[in-house]
C-alpha cells in the first residue's frame, strides 16, 4: 500500500499562493464595483448607481453604507429590486 506524502513547506507555499490569488481576485472585483459606481455617477444613471451600490454591498459585507445608499436611491426613483433577485439579498 502506497503512503501519501505531503510536501511540507511546498504544501504551505501552494496554499499561500491560493490565498494570494483569492485576495487579488477580491481586490479586482472591488475595483470593478468602484468603477461601475463612478461611471454611473458620471453619467447620472441613478438606477444603475443604486444597483451597483446594492450589488457591491452584497459581495462585500463591510460596505453596509452602500446598501443603504442603494436602497435610498431606489426609493427616490420609485423602483425596486426585481422579486427574483431579492432572494439573493440577506436583508
PDB file of N, CA and C in Angstrom:
ATOM      1  N   UNK A   1       0.832  -1.166   0.000  1.00  0.00           N
ATOM      2  CA  UNK A   1       0.000   0.000   0.000  1.00  0.00           C
ATOM      3  C   UNK A   1       0.886   1.242   0.000  1.00  0.00           C
ATOM      4  N   UNK A   2       0.592   2.133  -0.886  1.00  0.00           N
ATOM      5  CA  UNK A   2       1.385   3.347  -1.025  1.00  0.00           C
ATOM      6  C   UNK A   2       0.940   4.403  -0.012  1.00  0.00           C
ATOM      7  N   UNK A   3       1.881   5.087   0.598  1.00  0.00           N
ATOM      8  CA  UNK A   3       1.563   6.139   1.554  1.00  0.00           C
ATOM      9  C   UNK A   3       1.525   7.487   0.857  1.00  0.00           C
ATOM     10  N   UNK A   4       0.600   8.318   1.287  1.00  0.00           N
ATOM     11  CA  UNK A   4       0.558   9.690   0.782  1.00  0.00           C
ATOM     12  C   UNK A   4       1.629  10.479   1.501  1.00  0.00           C
ATOM     13  N   UNK A   5       2.348  11.249   0.738  1.00  0.00           N
ATOM     14  CA  UNK A   5       3.361  12.095   1.346  1.00  0.00           C
ATOM     15  C   UNK A   5       3.008  13.550   1.078  1.00  0.00           C
ATOM     16  N   UNK A   6       3.170  14.345   2.094  1.00  0.00           N
ATOM     17  CA  UNK A   6       2.944  15.770   1.911  1.00  0.00           C
ATOM     18  C   UNK A   6       4.281  16.436   1.672  1.00  0.00           C
ATOM     19  N   UNK A   7       4.214  17.522   0.999  1.00  0.00           N
ATOM     20  CA  UNK A   7       5.439  18.234   0.674  1.00  0.00           C
ATOM     21  C   UNK A   7       5.885  19.182   1.766  1.00  0.00           C
ATOM     22  N   UNK A   8       5.186  19.207   2.882  1.00  0.00           N
ATOM     23  CA  UNK A   8       5.588  20.091   3.967  1.00  0.00           C
ATOM     24  C   UNK A   8       5.548  21.545   3.548  1.00  0.00           C
ATOM     25  N   UNK A   9       6.700  22.141   3.424  1.00  0.00           N
ATOM     26  CA  UNK A   9       6.801  23.560   3.064  1.00  0.00           C
ATOM     27  C   UNK A   9       6.194  23.827   1.693  1.00  0.00           C
ATOM     28  N   UNK A  10       6.278  22.848   0.806  1.00  0.00           N
ATOM     29  CA  UNK A  10       5.705  23.011  -0.533  1.00  0.00           C
ATOM     30  C   UNK A  10       4.191  23.174  -0.443  1.00  0.00           C
ATOM     31  N   UNK A  11       3.538  22.382   0.418  1.00  0.00           N
ATOM     32  CA  UNK A  11       2.093  22.494   0.600  1.00  0.00           C
ATOM     33  C   UNK A  11       1.714  23.865   1.154  1.00  0.00           C
ATOM     34  N   UNK A  12       2.498  24.352   2.078  1.00  0.00           N
ATOM     35  CA  UNK A  12       2.232  25.670   2.655  1.00  0.00           C
ATOM     36  C   UNK A  12       2.385  26.747   1.585  1.00  0.00           C
ATOM     37  N   UNK A  13       3.405  26.629   0.770  1.00  0.00           N
ATOM     38  CA  UNK A  13       3.626  27.608  -0.299  1.00  0.00           C
ATOM     39  C   UNK A  13       2.470  27.574  -1.300  1.00  0.00           C
ATOM     40  N   UNK A  14       1.991  26.384  -1.634  1.00  0.00           N
ATOM     41  CA  UNK A  14       0.856  26.254  -2.554  1.00  0.00           C
ATOM     42  C   UNK A  14      -0.397  26.870  -1.950  1.00  0.00           C
ATOM     43  N   UNK A  15      -0.633  26.600  -0.680  1.00  0.00           N
ATOM     44  CA  UNK A  15      -1.807  27.161  -0.003  1.00  0.00           C
ATOM     45  C   UNK A  15      -1.720  28.681   0.040  1.00  0.00           C
ATOM     46  N   UNK A  16      -0.531  29.204   0.305  1.00  0.00           N
ATOM     47  CA  UNK A  16      -0.358  30.659   0.349  1.00  0.00           C
ATOM     48  C   UNK A  16      -0.609  31.269  -1.023  1.00  0.00           C
ATOM     49  N   UNK A  17      -0.201  30.574  -2.068  1.00  0.00           N
ATOM     50  CA  UNK A  17      -0.439  31.073  -3.425  1.00  0.00           C
ATOM     51  C   UNK A  17      -1.939  31.121  -3.723  1.00  0.00           C
ATOM     52  N   UNK A  18      -2.677  30.109  -3.291  1.00  0.00           N
ATOM     53  CA  UNK A  18      -4.124  30.090  -3.478  1.00  0.00           C
ATOM     54  C   UNK A  18      -4.764  31.271  -2.750  1.00  0.00           C
ATOM     55  N   UNK A  19      -4.349  31.499  -1.517  1.00  0.00           N
ATOM     56  CA  UNK A  19      -4.881  32.619  -0.740  1.00  0.00           C
ATOM     57  C   UNK A  19      -4.534  33.943  -1.412  1.00  0.00           C
ATOM     58  N   UNK A  20      -3.310  34.090  -1.863  1.00  0.00           N
ATOM     59  CA  UNK A  20      -2.888  35.322  -2.530  1.00  0.00           C
ATOM     60  C   UNK A  20      -3.700  35.567  -3.796  1.00  0.00           C
ATOM     61  N   UNK A  21      -3.936  34.520  -4.579  1.00  0.00           N
ATOM     62  CA  UNK A  21      -4.741  34.652  -5.798  1.00  0.00           C
ATOM     63  C   UNK A  21      -6.178  35.049  -5.478  1.00  0.00           C
ATOM     64  N   UNK A  22      -6.731  34.455  -4.424  1.00  0.00           N
ATOM     65  CA  UNK A  22      -8.099  34.775  -4.000  1.00  0.00           C
ATOM     66  C   UNK A  22      -8.190  36.242  -3.592  1.00  0.00           C
ATOM     67  N   UNK A  23      -7.235  36.702  -2.806  1.00  0.00           N
ATOM     68  CA  UNK A  23      -7.226  38.098  -2.372  1.00  0.00           C
ATOM     69  C   UNK A  23      -7.090  39.042  -3.563  1.00  0.00           C
ATOM     70  N   UNK A  24      -6.262  38.679  -4.521  1.00  0.00           N
ATOM     71  CA  UNK A  24      -6.098  39.505  -5.714  1.00  0.00           C
ATOM     72  C   UNK A  24      -7.404  39.589  -6.497  1.00  0.00           C
ATOM     73  N   UNK A  25      -8.124  38.483  -6.598  1.00  0.00           N
ATOM     74  CA  UNK A  25      -9.402  38.480  -7.313  1.00  0.00           C
ATOM     75  C   UNK A  25     -10.451  39.316  -6.571  1.00  0.00           C
ATOM     76  N   UNK A  26     -10.439  39.266  -5.247  1.00  0.00           N
ATOM     77  CA  UNK A  26     -11.365  40.096  -4.474  1.00  0.00           C
ATOM     78  C   UNK A  26     -11.088  41.579  -4.699  1.00  0.00           C
ATOM     79  N   UNK A  27      -9.824  41.940  -4.694  1.00  0.00           N
ATOM     80  CA  UNK A  27      -9.467  43.341  -4.935  1.00  0.00           C
ATOM     81  C   UNK A  27      -9.877  43.777  -6.337  1.00  0.00           C
ATOM     82  N   UNK A  28      -9.710  42.884  -7.275  1.00  0.00           N
ATOM     83  CA  UNK A  28     -10.099  43.177  -8.663  1.00  0.00           C
ATOM     84  C   UNK A  28     -11.613  43.399  -8.746  1.00  0.00           C
ATOM     85  N   UNK A  29     -12.380  42.538  -8.097  1.00  0.00           N
ATOM     86  CA  UNK A  29     -13.839  42.678  -8.095  1.00  0.00           C
ATOM     87  C   UNK A  29     -14.241  43.995  -7.440  1.00  0.00           C
ATOM     88  N   UNK A  30     -13.587  44.332  -6.347  1.00  0.00           N
ATOM     89  CA  UNK A  30     -13.897  45.582  -5.651  1.00  0.00           C
ATOM     90  C   UNK A  30     -13.618  46.778  -6.558  1.00  0.00           C
ATOM     91  N   UNK A  31     -12.508  46.740  -7.296  1.00  0.00           N
ATOM     92  CA  UNK A  31     -12.191  47.832  -8.232  1.00  0.00           C
ATOM     93  C   UNK A  31     -13.257  47.948  -9.315  1.00  0.00           C
ATOM     94  N   UNK A  32     -13.741  46.810  -9.829  1.00  0.00           N
ATOM     95  CA  UNK A  32     -14.794  46.843 -10.858  1.00  0.00           C
ATOM     96  C   UNK A  32     -16.082  47.457 -10.307  1.00  0.00           C
ATOM     97  N   UNK A  33     -16.447  47.100  -9.082  1.00  0.00           N
ATOM     98  CA  UNK A  33     -17.626  47.713  -8.477  1.00  0.00           C
ATOM     99  C   UNK A  33     -17.423  49.220  -8.339  1.00  0.00           C
ATOM    100  N   UNK A  34     -16.253  49.615  -7.867  1.00  0.00           N
ATOM    101  CA  UNK A  34     -15.964  51.040  -7.703  1.00  0.00           C
ATOM    102  C   UNK A  34     -16.023  51.770  -9.039  1.00  0.00           C
ATOM    103  N   UNK A  35     -15.504  51.148 -10.091  1.00  0.00           N
ATOM    104  CA  UNK A  35     -15.552  51.756 -11.434  1.00  0.00           C
ATOM    105  C   UNK A  35     -16.995  51.874 -11.925  1.00  0.00           C
ATOM    106  N   UNK A  36     -17.807  50.863 -11.649  1.00  0.00           N
ATOM    107  CA  UNK A  36     -19.219  50.905 -12.050  1.00  0.00           C
ATOM    108  C   UNK A  36     -19.947  52.035 -11.345  1.00  0.00           C
ATOM    109  N   UNK A  37     -19.663  52.189 -10.079  1.00  0.00           N
ATOM    110  CA  UNK A  37     -20.293  53.260  -9.305  1.00  0.00           C
ATOM    111  C   UNK A  37     -19.867  54.621  -9.844  1.00  0.00           C
ATOM    112  N   UNK A  38     -18.588  54.782 -10.095  1.00  0.00           N
ATOM    113  CA  UNK A  38     -18.079  56.045 -10.627  1.00  0.00           C
ATOM    114  C   UNK A  38     -18.685  56.361 -11.994  1.00  0.00           C
ATOM    115  N   UNK A  39     -18.758  55.358 -12.863  1.00  0.00           N
ATOM    116  CA  UNK A  39     -19.336  55.571 -14.192  1.00  0.00           C
ATOM    117  C   UNK A  39     -20.807  55.966 -14.102  1.00  0.00           C
ATOM    118  N   UNK A  40     -21.558  55.294 -13.248  1.00  0.00           N
ATOM    119  CA  UNK A  40     -22.984  55.617 -13.085  1.00  0.00           C
ATOM    120  C   UNK A  40     -23.153  57.038 -12.549  1.00  0.00           C
ATOM    121  N   UNK A  41     -22.295  57.429 -11.629  1.00  0.00           N
ATOM    122  CA  UNK A  41     -22.360  58.793 -11.096  1.00  0.00           C
ATOM    123  C   UNK A  41     -22.061  59.814 -12.188  1.00  0.00           C
ATOM    124  N   UNK A  42     -21.023  59.541 -12.975  1.00  0.00           N
ATOM    125  CA  UNK A  42     -20.643  60.467 -14.046  1.00  0.00           C
ATOM    126  C   UNK A  42     -21.726  60.596 -15.113  1.00  0.00           C
ATOM    127  N   UNK A  43     -22.438  59.513 -15.362  1.00  0.00           N
ATOM    128  CA  UNK A  43     -23.486  59.511 -16.378  1.00  0.00           C
ATOM    129  C   UNK A  43     -24.834  59.980 -15.837  1.00  0.00           C
ATOM    130  N   UNK A  44     -24.936  60.090 -14.532  1.00  0.00           N
ATOM    131  CA  UNK A  44     -26.226  60.452 -13.937  1.00  0.00           C
ATOM    132  C   UNK A  44     -27.226  59.312 -14.010  1.00  0.00           C
ATOM    133  N   UNK A  45     -26.729  58.102 -14.120  1.00  0.00           N
ATOM    134  CA  UNK A  45     -27.576  56.908 -14.236  1.00  0.00           C
ATOM    135  C   UNK A  45     -27.919  56.423 -12.825  1.00  0.00           C
ATOM    136  N   UNK A  46     -28.969  56.984 -12.256  1.00  0.00           N
ATOM    137  CA  UNK A  46     -29.275  56.751 -10.851  1.00  0.00           C
ATOM    138  C   UNK A  46     -29.694  55.312 -10.551  1.00  0.00           C
ATOM    139  N   UNK A  47     -30.456  54.692 -11.445  1.00  0.00           N
ATOM    140  CA  UNK A  47     -30.852  53.301 -11.195  1.00  0.00           C
ATOM    141  C   UNK A  47     -29.609  52.400 -11.232  1.00  0.00           C
ATOM    142  N   UNK A  48     -28.755  52.608 -12.219  1.00  0.00           N
ATOM    143  CA  UNK A  48     -27.527  51.811 -12.312  1.00  0.00           C
ATOM    144  C   UNK A  48     -26.627  52.056 -11.108  1.00  0.00           C
ATOM    145  N   UNK A  49     -26.599  53.290 -10.638  1.00  0.00           N
ATOM    146  CA  UNK A  49     -25.828  53.609  -9.439  1.00  0.00           C
ATOM    147  C   UNK A  49     -26.385  52.853  -8.236  1.00  0.00           C
ATOM    148  N   UNK A  50     -27.697  52.860  -8.098  1.00  0.00           N
ATOM    149  CA  UNK A  50     -28.323  52.147  -6.984  1.00  0.00           C
ATOM    150  C   UNK A  50     -28.007  50.660  -7.044  1.00  0.00           C
ATOM    151  N   UNK A  51     -28.118  50.075  -8.224  1.00  0.00           N
ATOM    152  CA  UNK A  51     -27.833  48.633  -8.363  1.00  0.00           C
ATOM    153  C   UNK A  51     -26.371  48.319  -8.081  1.00  0.00           C
ATOM    154  N   UNK A  52     -25.472  49.160  -8.555  1.00  0.00           N
ATOM    155  CA  UNK A  52     -24.045  48.931  -8.288  1.00  0.00           C
ATOM    156  C   UNK A  52     -23.767  49.023  -6.791  1.00  0.00           C
ATOM    157  N   UNK A  53     -24.428  49.959  -6.124  1.00  0.00           N
ATOM    158  CA  UNK A  53     -24.264  50.081  -4.676  1.00  0.00           C
ATOM    159  C   UNK A  53     -24.773  48.817  -3.975  1.00  0.00           C
ATOM    160  N   UNK A  54     -25.959  48.378  -4.340  1.00  0.00           N
ATOM    161  CA  UNK A  54     -26.539  47.177  -3.719  1.00  0.00           C
ATOM    162  C   UNK A  54     -25.702  45.932  -4.001  1.00  0.00           C
ATOM    163  N   UNK A  55     -25.291  45.767  -5.248  1.00  0.00           N
ATOM    164  CA  UNK A  55     -24.527  44.577  -5.616  1.00  0.00           C
ATOM    165  C   UNK A  55     -23.171  44.544  -4.931  1.00  0.00           C
ATOM    166  N   UNK A  56     -22.523  45.706  -4.804  1.00  0.00           N
ATOM    167  CA  UNK A  56     -21.228  45.720  -4.114  1.00  0.00           C
ATOM    168  C   UNK A  56     -21.412  45.408  -2.632  1.00  0.00           C
ATOM    169  N   UNK A  57     -22.505  45.877  -2.029  1.00  0.00           N
ATOM    170  CA  UNK A  57     -22.782  45.569  -0.625  1.00  0.00           C
ATOM    171  C   UNK A  57     -23.074  44.086  -0.433  1.00  0.00           C
ATOM    172  N   UNK A  58     -23.688  43.475  -1.418  1.00  0.00           N
ATOM    173  CA  UNK A  58     -23.958  42.037  -1.353  1.00  0.00           C
ATOM    174  C   UNK A  58     -22.646  41.248  -1.417  1.00  0.00           C
ATOM    175  N   UNK A  59     -21.724  41.690  -2.256  1.00  0.00           N
ATOM    176  CA  UNK A  59     -20.452  40.993  -2.423  1.00  0.00           C
ATOM    177  C   UNK A  59     -19.497  41.238  -1.255  1.00  0.00           C
ATOM    178  N   UNK A  60     -19.577  42.419  -0.664  1.00  0.00           N
ATOM    179  CA  UNK A  60     -18.647  42.794   0.408  1.00  0.00           C
ATOM    180  C   UNK A  60     -19.451  43.308   1.599  1.00  0.00           C
ATOM    181  N   UNK A  61     -19.619  42.476   2.597  1.00  0.00           N
ATOM    182  CA  UNK A  61     -20.491  42.802   3.724  1.00  0.00           C
ATOM    183  C   UNK A  61     -20.061  44.053   4.479  1.00  0.00           C
ATOM    184  N   UNK A  62     -18.801  44.435   4.382  1.00  0.00           N
ATOM    185  CA  UNK A  62     -18.346  45.628   5.102  1.00  0.00           C
ATOM    186  C   UNK A  62     -18.828  46.928   4.456  1.00  0.00           C
ATOM    187  N   UNK A  63     -19.505  46.819   3.324  1.00  0.00           N
ATOM    188  CA  UNK A  63     -19.980  48.002   2.612  1.00  0.00           C
ATOM    189  C   UNK A  63     -21.460  48.275   2.900  1.00  0.00           C
ATOM    190  N   UNK A  64     -21.837  48.197   4.153  1.00  0.00           N
ATOM    191  CA  UNK A  64     -23.226  48.405   4.566  1.00  0.00           C
ATOM    192  C   UNK A  64     -23.744  49.771   4.131  1.00  0.00           C
ATOM    193  N   UNK A  65     -22.883  50.779   4.170  1.00  0.00           N
ATOM    194  CA  UNK A  65     -23.314  52.119   3.779  1.00  0.00           C
ATOM    195  C   UNK A  65     -23.749  52.167   2.320  1.00  0.00           C
ATOM    196  N   UNK A  66     -23.136  51.334   1.488  1.00  0.00           N
ATOM    197  CA  UNK A  66     -23.538  51.275   0.076  1.00  0.00           C
ATOM    198  C   UNK A  66     -24.939  50.683  -0.065  1.00  0.00           C
ATOM    199  N   UNK A  67     -25.243  49.700   0.752  1.00  0.00           N
ATOM    200  CA  UNK A  67     -26.582  49.102   0.700  1.00  0.00           C
ATOM    201  C   UNK A  67     -27.635  50.154   1.038  1.00  0.00           C
ATOM    202  N   UNK A  68     -27.365  50.898   2.081  1.00  0.00           N
ATOM    203  CA  UNK A  68     -28.318  51.925   2.499  1.00  0.00           C
ATOM    204  C   UNK A  68     -28.494  52.988   1.409  1.00  0.00           C
ATOM    205  N   UNK A  69     -27.405  53.386   0.794  1.00  0.00           N
ATOM    206  CA  UNK A  69     -27.494  54.381  -0.271  1.00  0.00           C
ATOM    207  C   UNK A  69     -28.251  53.818  -1.476  1.00  0.00           C
ATOM    208  N   UNK A  70     -27.967  52.566  -1.829  1.00  0.00           N
ATOM    209  CA  UNK A  70     -28.666  51.926  -2.946  1.00  0.00           C
ATOM    210  C   UNK A  70     -30.165  51.858  -2.712  1.00  0.00           C
ATOM    211  N   UNK A  71     -30.563  51.471  -1.506  1.00  0.00           N
ATOM    212  CA  UNK A  71     -31.985  51.401  -1.180  1.00  0.00           C
ATOM    213  C   UNK A  71     -32.624  52.788  -1.223  1.00  0.00           C
ATOM    214  N   UNK A  72     -31.919  53.790  -0.728  1.00  0.00           N
ATOM    215  CA  UNK A  72     -32.430  55.159  -0.747  1.00  0.00           C
ATOM    216  C   UNK A  72     -32.633  55.638  -2.182  1.00  0.00           C
ATOM    217  N   UNK A  73     -31.640  55.389  -3.039  1.00  0.00           N
ATOM    218  CA  UNK A  73     -31.762  55.799  -4.440  1.00  0.00           C
ATOM    219  C   UNK A  73     -32.926  55.106  -5.132  1.00  0.00           C
ATOM    220  N   UNK A  74     -33.083  53.814  -4.892  1.00  0.00           N
ATOM    221  CA  UNK A  74     -34.204  53.096  -5.496  1.00  0.00           C
ATOM    222  C   UNK A  74     -35.532  53.685  -5.027  1.00  0.00           C
ATOM    223  N   UNK A  75     -35.602  53.992  -3.743  1.00  0.00           N
ATOM    224  CA  UNK A  75     -36.821  54.583  -3.206  1.00  0.00           C
ATOM    225  C   UNK A  75     -37.145  55.919  -3.851  1.00  0.00           C
ATOM    226  N   UNK A  76     -36.117  56.746  -4.049  1.00  0.00           N
ATOM    227  CA  UNK A  76     -36.311  58.047  -4.684  1.00  0.00           C
ATOM    228  C   UNK A  76     -36.802  57.898  -6.124  1.00  0.00           C
ATOM    229  N   UNK A  77     -36.372  56.819  -6.761  1.00  0.00           N
ATOM    230  CA  UNK A  77     -36.778  56.565  -8.149  1.00  0.00           C
ATOM    231  C   UNK A  77     -38.120  55.850  -8.243  1.00  0.00           C
ATOM    232  N   UNK A  78     -38.630  55.397  -7.110  1.00  0.00           N
ATOM    233  CA  UNK A  78     -39.860  54.617  -7.124  1.00  0.00           C
ATOM    234  C   UNK A  78     -39.632  53.242  -7.728  1.00  0.00           C
ATOM    235  N   UNK A  79     -38.410  52.753  -7.597  1.00  0.00           N
ATOM    236  CA  UNK A  79     -38.032  51.459  -8.191  1.00  0.00           C
ATOM    237  C   UNK A  79     -37.758  50.451  -7.076  1.00  0.00           C
ATOM    238  N   UNK A  80     -37.761  49.207  -7.450  1.00  0.00           N
ATOM    239  CA  UNK A  80     -37.448  48.127  -6.511  1.00  0.00           C
ATOM    240  C   UNK A  80     -36.543  47.120  -7.203  1.00  0.00           C
ATOM    241  N   UNK A  81     -35.899  46.300  -6.395  1.00  0.00           N
ATOM    242  CA  UNK A  81     -35.129  45.182  -6.933  1.00  0.00           C
ATOM    243  C   UNK A  81     -36.143  44.132  -7.381  1.00  0.00           C
ATOM    244  N   UNK A  82     -36.007  43.572  -8.573  1.00  0.00           N
ATOM    245  CA  UNK A  82     -36.950  42.551  -9.030  1.00  0.00           C
ATOM    246  C   UNK A  82     -37.080  41.406  -8.016  1.00  0.00           C
ATOM    247  N   UNK A  83     -38.293  40.904  -7.873  1.00  0.00           N
ATOM    248  CA  UNK A  83     -38.612  39.871  -6.878  1.00  0.00           C
ATOM    249  C   UNK A  83     -37.641  38.688  -6.939  1.00  0.00           C
ATOM    250  N   UNK A  84     -37.330  38.214  -8.121  1.00  0.00           N
ATOM    251  CA  UNK A  84     -36.460  37.042  -8.256  1.00  0.00           C
ATOM    252  C   UNK A  84     -35.062  37.324  -7.718  1.00  0.00           C
ATOM    253  N   UNK A  85     -34.611  38.566  -7.817  1.00  0.00           N
ATOM    254  CA  UNK A  85     -33.291  38.911  -7.327  1.00  0.00           C
ATOM    255  C   UNK A  85     -33.272  39.177  -5.823  1.00  0.00           C
ATOM    256  N   UNK A  86     -34.402  39.554  -5.256  1.00  0.00           N
ATOM    257  CA  UNK A  86     -34.459  39.858  -3.829  1.00  0.00           C
ATOM    258  C   UNK A  86     -34.047  38.675  -2.967  1.00  0.00           C
ATOM    259  N   UNK A  87     -34.218  37.487  -3.478  1.00  0.00           N
ATOM    260  CA  UNK A  87     -33.851  36.280  -2.733  1.00  0.00           C
ATOM    261  C   UNK A  87     -32.354  36.240  -2.449  1.00  0.00           C
ATOM    262  N   UNK A  88     -31.552  36.910  -3.264  1.00  0.00           N
ATOM    263  CA  UNK A  88     -30.103  36.925  -3.082  1.00  0.00           C
ATOM    264  C   UNK A  88     -29.686  37.811  -1.919  1.00  0.00           C
ATOM    265  N   UNK A  89     -30.492  38.828  -1.635  1.00  0.00           N
ATOM    266  CA  UNK A  89     -30.134  39.809  -0.634  1.00  0.00           C
ATOM    267  C   UNK A  89     -30.512  39.316   0.757  1.00  0.00           C
ATOM    268  N   UNK A  90     -29.579  39.314   1.677  1.00  0.00           N
ATOM    269  CA  UNK A  90     -29.872  38.814   3.027  1.00  0.00           C
ATOM    270  C   UNK A  90     -30.661  39.792   3.879  1.00  0.00           C
ATOM    271  N   UNK A  91     -30.856  40.998   3.438  1.00  0.00           N
ATOM    272  CA  UNK A  91     -31.576  41.989   4.251  1.00  0.00           C
ATOM    273  C   UNK A  91     -33.001  42.120   3.822  1.00  0.00           C
TER     274      UNK A  91
END
